[in-house]
C-alpha atoms as a PDB file:
ATOM      1  CA  UNK A   1      83.399 111.577 125.402  1.00  0.00           C
ATOM      2  CA  UNK A   2      86.183 109.465 125.006  1.00  0.00           C
ATOM      3  CA  UNK A   3      87.075 108.008 128.587  1.00  0.00           C
ATOM      4  CA  UNK A   4      90.380 106.299 128.482  1.00  0.00           C
ATOM      5  CA  UNK A   5      89.017 103.502 130.844  1.00  0.00           C
ATOM      6  CA  UNK A   6      86.296 102.430 128.039  1.00  0.00           C
ATOM      7  CA  UNK A   7      88.921 102.165 125.231  1.00  0.00           C
ATOM      8  CA  UNK A   8      90.690  98.574 125.333  1.00  0.00           C
ATOM      9  CA  UNK A   9      94.245  99.059 125.159  1.00  0.00           C
ATOM     10  CA  UNK A  10      95.961  96.794 122.295  1.00  0.00           C
ATOM     11  CA  UNK A  11      98.972  94.993 124.095  1.00  0.00           C
ATOM     12  CA  UNK A  12     101.800  94.088 121.984  1.00  0.00           C
ATOM     13  CA  UNK A  13     102.832  90.124 121.879  1.00  0.00           C
ATOM     14  CA  UNK A  14     105.324  89.787 124.728  1.00  0.00           C
ATOM     15  CA  UNK A  15     108.515  87.932 124.213  1.00  0.00           C
ATOM     16  CA  UNK A  16     107.416  85.092 126.334  1.00  0.00           C
ATOM     17  CA  UNK A  17     104.347  84.329 124.552  1.00  0.00           C
ATOM     18  CA  UNK A  18     106.217  84.348 121.035  1.00  0.00           C
ATOM     19  CA  UNK A  19     108.801  81.991 122.414  1.00  0.00           C
ATOM     20  CA  UNK A  20     105.992  79.561 123.869  1.00  0.00           C
ATOM     21  CA  UNK A  21     103.982  79.182 120.271  1.00  0.00           C
ATOM     22  CA  UNK A  22     107.158  79.315 118.047  1.00  0.00           C
ATOM     23  CA  UNK A  23     107.955  75.695 118.777  1.00  0.00           C
ATOM     24  CA  UNK A  24     104.239  74.730 117.674  1.00  0.00           C
ATOM     25  CA  UNK A  25     104.215  76.947 114.895  1.00  0.00           C
ATOM     26  CA  UNK A  26     107.413  75.431 113.524  1.00  0.00           C
ATOM     27  CA  UNK A  27     106.430  71.959 114.213  1.00  0.00           C
ATOM     28  CA  UNK A  28     102.936  72.316 112.376  1.00  0.00           C
ATOM     29  CA  UNK A  29     104.881  73.922 109.237  1.00  0.00           C
ATOM     30  CA  UNK A  30     107.723  71.161 109.095  1.00  0.00           C
ATOM     31  CA  UNK A  31     105.314  68.413 109.832  1.00  0.00           C
ATOM     32  CA  UNK A  32     102.805  69.395 106.901  1.00  0.00           C
ATOM     33  CA  UNK A  33     104.976  68.383 104.001  1.00  0.00           C
ATOM     34  CA  UNK A  34     105.528  65.157 105.541  1.00  0.00           C
ATOM     35  CA  UNK A  35     101.573  64.672 105.931  1.00  0.00           C
ATOM     36  CA  UNK A  36     100.977  65.631 102.614  1.00  0.00           C
ATOM     37  CA  UNK A  37     103.613  63.622 100.530  1.00  0.00           C
ATOM     38  CA  UNK A  38     103.042  60.414 102.773  1.00  0.00           C
ATOM     39  CA  UNK A  39      99.234  60.519 102.148  1.00  0.00           C
ATOM     40  CA  UNK A  40      99.858  61.054  98.622  1.00  0.00           C
ATOM     41  CA  UNK A  41     101.955  57.726  98.360  1.00  0.00           C
ATOM     42  CA  UNK A  42      98.515  56.099  99.411  1.00  0.00           C
ATOM     43  CA  UNK A  43      95.658  58.268  97.748  1.00  0.00           C
ATOM     44  CA  UNK A  44      97.895  59.516  94.775  1.00  0.00           C
ATOM     45  CA  UNK A  45      96.277  63.053  94.509  1.00  0.00           C
ATOM     46  CA  UNK A  46      99.714  64.760  93.188  1.00  0.00           C
ATOM     47  CA  UNK A  47      99.684  63.391  89.511  1.00  0.00           C
ATOM     48  CA  UNK A  48     103.017  62.114  87.919  1.00  0.00           C
ATOM     49  CA  UNK A  49     104.557  64.174  85.190  1.00  0.00           C
ATOM     50  CA  UNK A  50     103.388  62.838  81.572  1.00  0.00           C
ATOM     51  CA  UNK A  51     106.979  63.073  80.342  1.00  0.00           C
ATOM     52  CA  UNK A  52     109.981  61.990  82.325  1.00  0.00           C
ATOM     53  CA  UNK A  53     112.009  64.552  83.260  1.00  0.00           C
ATOM     54  CA  UNK A  54     115.809  64.802  81.362  1.00  0.00           C
END
């Protein structure tokens, strides 16, 4: 009934694949705040606080 050849094996993520994708993930995560706050200077979608901070 359960033929091992028909059940696909789940292969763990190889270390080489992780190290290949890691720089891209870090670059995106570090670039998002720069993109968001840079666009905020033009579009003003993050409101300024009503009262000044002490």
